[in-house]
Amino acid sequence: TLTPLRPQPIGTAFIRPDLAKAGQILSLEVRGKRYPAEVVSLPFYRGSRIR
């Protein structure tokens, strides 16, 4: 999914607790191709804005 504010994809995943440290770079496989991904702390979205 692309973010509405930045032209970057975002996603969620379940990862092992020992790899779930903010700033950790992981490699994800999507449709047979590998991509780098960074673990970020929640929430990566602040829902305080009224729409």
Protein backbone atom coordinates (compact mmCIF):
# COMPACT_ATOMS: atom_id res chain seq x y z
CA THR A 1 0.00 0.00 0.00
CA LEU A 2 1.28 3.49 -0.80
CA THR A 3 1.11 6.16 1.87
CA PRO A 4 -1.18 9.12 1.20
CA LEU A 5 1.53 11.61 2.18
CA ARG A 6 4.68 10.06 0.73
CA PRO A 7 5.24 8.10 -2.47
CA GLN A 8 6.50 5.09 -0.53
CA PRO A 9 4.95 1.70 0.10
CA ILE A 10 4.06 0.65 3.63
CA GLY A 11 3.02 -2.67 5.05
CA THR A 12 2.61 -4.65 8.21
CA ALA A 13 4.08 -8.02 9.01
CA PHE A 14 4.55 -10.45 11.88
CA ILE A 15 8.25 -10.89 12.63
CA ARG A 16 10.20 -12.70 15.31
CA PRO A 17 10.53 -10.66 18.53
CA ASP A 18 14.35 -10.71 18.34
CA LEU A 19 14.11 -8.91 14.96
CA ALA A 20 11.42 -6.44 16.03
CA LYS A 21 13.68 -3.56 17.04
CA ALA A 22 13.01 -0.09 15.59
CA GLY A 23 15.64 0.76 12.99
CA GLN A 24 16.37 -2.88 12.12
CA ILE A 25 16.66 -3.42 8.35
CA LEU A 26 15.08 -6.63 7.05
CA SER A 27 14.74 -8.17 3.61
CA LEU A 28 11.20 -8.88 2.41
CA GLU A 29 10.23 -11.06 -0.51
CA VAL A 30 7.27 -9.83 -2.56
CA ARG A 31 6.21 -11.76 -5.66
CA GLY A 32 9.63 -13.39 -5.94
CA LYS A 33 11.63 -10.14 -5.61
CA ARG A 34 13.52 -9.01 -2.48
CA TYR A 35 13.16 -5.52 -1.01
CA PRO A 36 14.80 -3.83 2.00
CA ALA A 37 12.41 -2.86 4.80
CA GLU A 38 12.92 -0.93 8.03
CA VAL A 39 11.22 -1.83 11.30
CA VAL A 40 9.54 1.25 12.81
CA SER A 41 7.84 1.69 16.16
CA LEU A 42 4.07 2.02 16.32
CA PRO A 43 2.19 4.05 15.54
CA PHE A 44 3.76 4.94 12.19
CA TYR A 45 0.55 6.94 11.64
CA ARG A 46 -0.81 9.57 14.00
CA GLY A 47 -4.58 9.62 13.70
CA SER A 48 -5.15 12.92 15.49
CA ARG A 49 -6.24 14.75 12.34
CA ILE A 50 -9.96 15.03 11.74
CA ARG A 51 -10.96 14.09 8.22
